[in-house]
Amino acid sequence: MNKLTIKTFALLCCLMFSAGFASAQTTSADENTEAVAGAMAALDDFMRTFNARDMQAWAATLNYPHVRFASGTVTVWQSAEEFAQQPTFERLTATGWDHSAWLSREPVLVSSGKVHINTVFQRYNASNEPIGTYESLYIVTRDAQGKWGTQARSSLAP
């Protein structure tokens, strides 16, 4: 091979590699965009069903096993039925809680099947006055059936 042939071959290899690399990045970016959209929709459902105080619907927004790190403990629920048996709303209303809202949600680690989201949420009383603001990390996953749901939460909330 002469120098011109080698240079041409090298240039063609670089062009093919960069075109393939750009294509792979686009696909990955599209997958990540879809993953973030799915995870955010799952968090929207999480908050909507939570504020509705509907334990079965709220439990359905989670993926299992579901893990929560809070108040110095780690709790694991194996199923929606197990999760729905807890007295969450009785405990919260005793603190003056009426509803909650996301203040911020920032994806910090994204793949096609899992999104880690830094969140800040606020709890409010019936007069819509804030009674607490909490930072948390939610890990939202896509299960084998394609359903996005919160798999794990780590919160500074009680």
C-alpha atoms as a PDB file:
ATOM      1  CA  MET A   1       0.000   0.000   0.000  1.00  0.00           C
ATOM      2  CA  ASN A   2       1.207   3.479  -0.749  1.00  0.00           C
ATOM      3  CA  LYS A   3       0.967   6.452   1.619  1.00  0.00           C
ATOM      4  CA  LEU A   4      -2.070   7.908  -0.184  1.00  0.00           C
ATOM      5  CA  THR A   5      -3.994   4.631   0.115  1.00  0.00           C
ATOM      6  CA  ILE A   6      -3.126   4.350   3.820  1.00  0.00           C
ATOM      7  CA  LYS A   7      -4.202   7.943   4.469  1.00  0.00           C
ATOM      8  CA  THR A   8      -7.452   7.421   2.551  1.00  0.00           C
ATOM      9  CA  PHE A   9      -8.134   4.190   4.439  1.00  0.00           C
ATOM     10  CA  ALA A  10      -7.398   5.893   7.782  1.00  0.00           C
ATOM     11  CA  LEU A  11      -9.673   8.804   6.895  1.00  0.00           C
ATOM     12  CA  LEU A  12     -12.490   6.450   5.896  1.00  0.00           C
ATOM     13  CA  CYS A  13     -12.098   4.500   9.159  1.00  0.00           C
ATOM     14  CA  CYS A  14     -12.238   7.717  11.175  1.00  0.00           C
ATOM     15  CA  LEU A  15     -15.341   8.879   9.324  1.00  0.00           C
ATOM     16  CA  MET A  16     -17.085   5.529   9.761  1.00  0.00           C
ATOM     17  CA  PHE A  17     -16.156   5.394  13.452  1.00  0.00           C
ATOM     18  CA  SER A  18     -17.309   8.961  14.131  1.00  0.00           C
ATOM     19  CA  ALA A  19     -20.583   8.413  12.244  1.00  0.00           C
ATOM     20  CA  GLY A  20     -21.245   5.240  14.229  1.00  0.00           C
ATOM     21  CA  PHE A  21     -20.273   6.961  17.463  1.00  0.00           C
ATOM     22  CA  ALA A  22     -22.567   9.932  16.768  1.00  0.00           C
ATOM     23  CA  SER A  23     -25.404   7.541  15.932  1.00  0.00           C
ATOM     24  CA  ALA A  24     -24.853   5.597  19.168  1.00  0.00           C
ATOM     25  CA  GLN A  25     -24.838   8.834  21.169  1.00  0.00           C
ATOM     26  CA  THR A  26     -28.103   9.965  19.560  1.00  0.00           C
ATOM     27  CA  THR A  27     -29.760   6.644  20.346  1.00  0.00           C
ATOM     28  CA  SER A  28     -28.466   6.794  23.896  1.00  0.00           C
ATOM     29  CA  ALA A  29     -29.674  10.384  24.312  1.00  0.00           C
ATOM     30  CA  ASP A  30     -33.102   9.383  22.959  1.00  0.00           C
ATOM     31  CA  GLU A  31     -33.254   6.430  25.351  1.00  0.00           C
ATOM     32  CA  ASN A  32     -32.230   8.664  28.246  1.00  0.00           C
ATOM     33  CA  THR A  33     -34.858  11.250  27.325  1.00  0.00           C
ATOM     34  CA  GLU A  34     -37.511   8.525  27.264  1.00  0.00           C
ATOM     35  CA  ALA A  35     -36.252   7.124  30.582  1.00  0.00           C
ATOM     36  CA  VAL A  36     -36.408  10.526  32.290  1.00  0.00           C
ATOM     37  CA  ALA A  37     -39.918  11.120  30.910  1.00  0.00           C
ATOM     38  CA  GLY A  38     -41.058   7.708  32.188  1.00  0.00           C
ATOM     39  CA  ALA A  39     -39.477   8.275  35.596  1.00  0.00           C
ATOM     40  CA  MET A  40     -40.972  11.769  35.963  1.00  0.00           C
ATOM     41  CA  ALA A  41     -44.432  10.475  35.005  1.00  0.00           C
ATOM     42  CA  ALA A  42     -44.030   7.768  37.653  1.00  0.00           C
ATOM     43  CA  LEU A  43     -43.162  10.433  40.252  1.00  0.00           C
ATOM     44  CA  ASP A  44     -46.177  12.498  39.156  1.00  0.00           C
ATOM     45  CA  ASP A  45     -48.386   9.434  39.761  1.00  0.00           C
ATOM     46  CA  PHE A  46     -46.612   8.799  43.064  1.00  0.00           C
ATOM     47  CA  MET A  47     -47.446  12.290  44.346  1.00  0.00           C
ATOM     48  CA  ARG A  48     -50.985  12.335  42.913  1.00  0.00           C
ATOM     49  CA  THR A  49     -51.965   9.026  44.542  1.00  0.00           C
ATOM     50  CA  PHE A  50     -50.157   9.943  47.763  1.00  0.00           C
ATOM     51  CA  ASN A  51     -52.122  13.189  48.070  1.00  0.00           C
ATOM     52  CA  ALA A  52     -55.344  11.295  47.263  1.00  0.00           C
ATOM     53  CA  ARG A  53     -54.548   9.069  50.270  1.00  0.00           C
ATOM     54  CA  ASP A  54     -55.253   6.020  48.154  1.00  0.00           C
ATOM     55  CA  MET A  55     -52.963   3.303  49.522  1.00  0.00           C
ATOM     56  CA  GLN A  56     -53.695   0.780  46.753  1.00  0.00           C
ATOM     57  CA  ALA A  57     -53.142   3.306  43.961  1.00  0.00           C
ATOM     58  CA  TRP A  58     -50.036   4.670  45.698  1.00  0.00           C
ATOM     59  CA  ALA A  59     -48.667   1.136  46.163  1.00  0.00           C
ATOM     60  CA  ALA A  60     -49.214   0.539  42.436  1.00  0.00           C
ATOM     61  CA  THR A  61     -46.818   3.405  41.587  1.00  0.00           C
ATOM     62  CA  LEU A  62     -43.931   1.501  43.181  1.00  0.00           C
ATOM     63  CA  ASN A  63     -41.748  -1.315  41.908  1.00  0.00           C
ATOM     64  CA  TYR A  64     -40.988  -4.224  44.242  1.00  0.00           C
ATOM     65  CA  PRO A  65     -39.187  -5.057  46.311  1.00  0.00           C
ATOM     66  CA  HIS A  66     -39.498  -1.430  47.400  1.00  0.00           C
ATOM     67  CA  VAL A  67     -36.941   0.075  49.793  1.00  0.00           C
ATOM     68  CA  ARG A  68     -37.171   3.205  51.953  1.00  0.00           C
ATOM     69  CA  PHE A  69     -34.306   4.690  53.932  1.00  0.00           C
ATOM     70  CA  ALA A  70     -35.675   7.208  56.477  1.00  0.00           C
ATOM     71  CA  SER A  71     -35.659   8.045  60.168  1.00  0.00           C
ATOM     72  CA  GLY A  72     -32.580   5.919  60.765  1.00  0.00           C
ATOM     73  CA  THR A  73     -34.189   2.738  59.441  1.00  0.00           C
ATOM     74  CA  VAL A  74     -34.339   0.731  56.242  1.00  0.00           C
ATOM     75  CA  THR A  75     -37.720  -0.725  55.350  1.00  0.00           C
ATOM     76  CA  VAL A  76     -38.303  -3.230  52.549  1.00  0.00           C
ATOM     77  CA  TRP A  77     -41.727  -4.179  51.190  1.00  0.00           C
ATOM     78  CA  GLN A  78     -41.930  -7.247  48.974  1.00  0.00           C
ATOM     79  CA  SER A  79     -45.321  -6.496  47.390  1.00  0.00           C
ATOM     80  CA  ALA A  80     -47.985  -3.843  46.838  1.00  0.00           C
ATOM     81  CA  GLU A  81     -50.278  -5.744  49.221  1.00  0.00           C
ATOM     82  CA  GLU A  82     -47.685  -5.589  51.988  1.00  0.00           C
ATOM     83  CA  PHE A  83     -46.984  -1.891  51.323  1.00  0.00           C
ATOM     84  CA  ALA A  84     -50.700  -0.961  51.379  1.00  0.00           C
ATOM     85  CA  GLN A  85     -51.106  -2.323  54.933  1.00  0.00           C
ATOM     86  CA  GLN A  86     -49.074   0.445  56.593  1.00  0.00           C
ATOM     87  CA  PRO A  87     -50.840   3.310  58.413  1.00  0.00           C
ATOM     88  CA  THR A  88     -49.008   6.102  56.556  1.00  0.00           C
ATOM     89  CA  PHE A  89     -51.830   8.619  56.391  1.00  0.00           C
ATOM     90  CA  GLU A  90     -52.869   8.230  60.019  1.00  0.00           C
ATOM     91  CA  ARG A  91     -49.303   9.078  61.092  1.00  0.00           C
ATOM     92  CA  LEU A  92     -48.983  12.016  58.686  1.00  0.00           C
ATOM     93  CA  THR A  93     -52.327  13.646  59.492  1.00  0.00           C
ATOM     94  CA  ALA A  94     -51.395  13.496  63.180  1.00  0.00           C
ATOM     95  CA  THR A  95     -48.501  15.869  62.334  1.00  0.00           C
ATOM     96  CA  GLY A  96     -50.853  18.362  60.653  1.00  0.00           C
ATOM     97  CA  TRP A  97     -50.112  17.124  57.123  1.00  0.00           C
ATOM     98  CA  ASP A  98     -52.738  17.636  54.428  1.00  0.00           C
ATOM     99  CA  HIS A  99     -50.786  17.281  51.153  1.00  0.00           C
ATOM    100  CA  SER A 100     -47.308  17.405  49.607  1.00  0.00           C
ATOM    101  CA  ALA A 101     -45.716  18.784  46.438  1.00  0.00           C
ATOM    102  CA  TRP A 102     -42.440  18.464  44.577  1.00  0.00           C
ATOM    103  CA  LEU A 103     -40.348  21.636  44.750  1.00  0.00           C
ATOM    104  CA  SER A 104     -37.603  20.247  42.523  1.00  0.00           C
ATOM    105  CA  ARG A 105     -36.671  17.040  40.711  1.00  0.00           C
ATOM    106  CA  GLU A 106     -33.259  16.667  39.083  1.00  0.00           C
ATOM    107  CA  PRO A 107     -32.167  13.483  37.307  1.00  0.00           C
ATOM    108  CA  VAL A 108     -28.570  12.800  38.338  1.00  0.00           C
ATOM    109  CA  LEU A 109     -27.969   9.311  36.930  1.00  0.00           C
ATOM    110  CA  VAL A 110     -29.830   8.030  33.876  1.00  0.00           C
ATOM    111  CA  SER A 111     -29.932   4.764  31.961  1.00  0.00           C
ATOM    112  CA  SER A 112     -32.611   3.207  29.787  1.00  0.00           C
ATOM    113  CA  GLY A 113     -34.003   1.249  32.749  1.00  0.00           C
ATOM    114  CA  LYS A 114     -33.164   3.315  35.835  1.00  0.00           C
ATOM    115  CA  VAL A 115     -33.139   6.969  36.829  1.00  0.00           C
ATOM    116  CA  HIS A 116     -31.804   8.430  40.093  1.00  0.00           C
ATOM    117  CA  ILE A 117     -33.564  11.708  40.890  1.00  0.00           C
ATOM    118  CA  ASN A 118     -32.571  14.243  43.541  1.00  0.00           C
ATOM    119  CA  THR A 119     -35.781  15.733  44.843  1.00  0.00           C
ATOM    120  CA  VAL A 120     -36.987  18.337  47.262  1.00  0.00           C
ATOM    121  CA  PHE A 121     -40.576  18.073  48.422  1.00  0.00           C
ATOM    122  CA  GLN A 122     -42.672  20.073  50.803  1.00  0.00           C
ATOM    123  CA  ARG A 123     -45.448  19.043  53.159  1.00  0.00           C
ATOM    124  CA  TYR A 124     -48.384  21.394  53.729  1.00  0.00           C
ATOM    125  CA  ASN A 125     -51.224  21.707  56.224  1.00  0.00           C
ATOM    126  CA  ALA A 126     -54.892  22.165  55.288  1.00  0.00           C
ATOM    127  CA  SER A 127     -54.351  25.945  55.015  1.00  0.00           C
ATOM    128  CA  ASN A 128     -51.669  25.281  52.364  1.00  0.00           C
ATOM    129  CA  GLU A 129     -48.944  26.482  54.731  1.00  0.00           C
ATOM    130  CA  PRO A 130     -45.606  24.649  54.560  1.00  0.00           C
ATOM    131  CA  ILE A 131     -44.921  22.417  57.551  1.00  0.00           C
ATOM    132  CA  GLY A 132     -41.710  20.780  56.310  1.00  0.00           C
ATOM    133  CA  THR A 133     -39.267  20.716  53.410  1.00  0.00           C
ATOM    134  CA  TYR A 134     -37.195  17.598  52.704  1.00  0.00           C
ATOM    135  CA  GLU A 135     -34.430  16.509  50.375  1.00  0.00           C
ATOM    136  CA  SER A 136     -34.542  12.969  49.050  1.00  0.00           C
ATOM    137  CA  LEU A 137     -33.181  10.618  46.428  1.00  0.00           C
ATOM    138  CA  TYR A 138     -35.632   8.506  44.441  1.00  0.00           C
ATOM    139  CA  ILE A 139     -34.519   5.574  42.313  1.00  0.00           C
ATOM    140  CA  VAL A 140     -37.123   4.955  39.646  1.00  0.00           C
ATOM    141  CA  THR A 141     -36.862   1.761  37.594  1.00  0.00           C
ATOM    142  CA  ARG A 142     -38.556   0.150  34.631  1.00  0.00           C
ATOM    143  CA  ASP A 143     -39.681  -3.389  35.454  1.00  0.00           C
ATOM    144  CA  ALA A 144     -39.728  -6.408  33.133  1.00  0.00           C
ATOM    145  CA  GLN A 145     -43.210  -5.429  31.885  1.00  0.00           C
ATOM    146  CA  GLY A 146     -42.009  -1.900  31.023  1.00  0.00           C
ATOM    147  CA  LYS A 147     -43.723  -0.136  33.964  1.00  0.00           C
ATOM    148  CA  TRP A 148     -41.818   2.748  35.533  1.00  0.00           C
ATOM    149  CA  GLY A 149     -42.090   2.900  39.323  1.00  0.00           C
ATOM    150  CA  THR A 150     -40.214   4.071  42.381  1.00  0.00           C
ATOM    151  CA  GLN A 151     -37.991   1.204  43.535  1.00  0.00           C
ATOM    152  CA  ALA A 152     -36.152   2.973  46.357  1.00  0.00           C
ATOM    153  CA  ARG A 153     -36.294   6.203  48.319  1.00  0.00           C
ATOM    154  CA  SER A 154     -33.824   7.766  50.696  1.00  0.00           C
ATOM    155  CA  SER A 155     -35.218  10.734  52.524  1.00  0.00           C
ATOM    156  CA  LEU A 156     -34.393  13.099  55.341  1.00  0.00           C
ATOM    157  CA  ALA A 157     -38.123  13.240  56.124  1.00  0.00           C
ATOM    158  CA  PRO A 158     -39.411  11.524  59.258  1.00  0.00           C
END
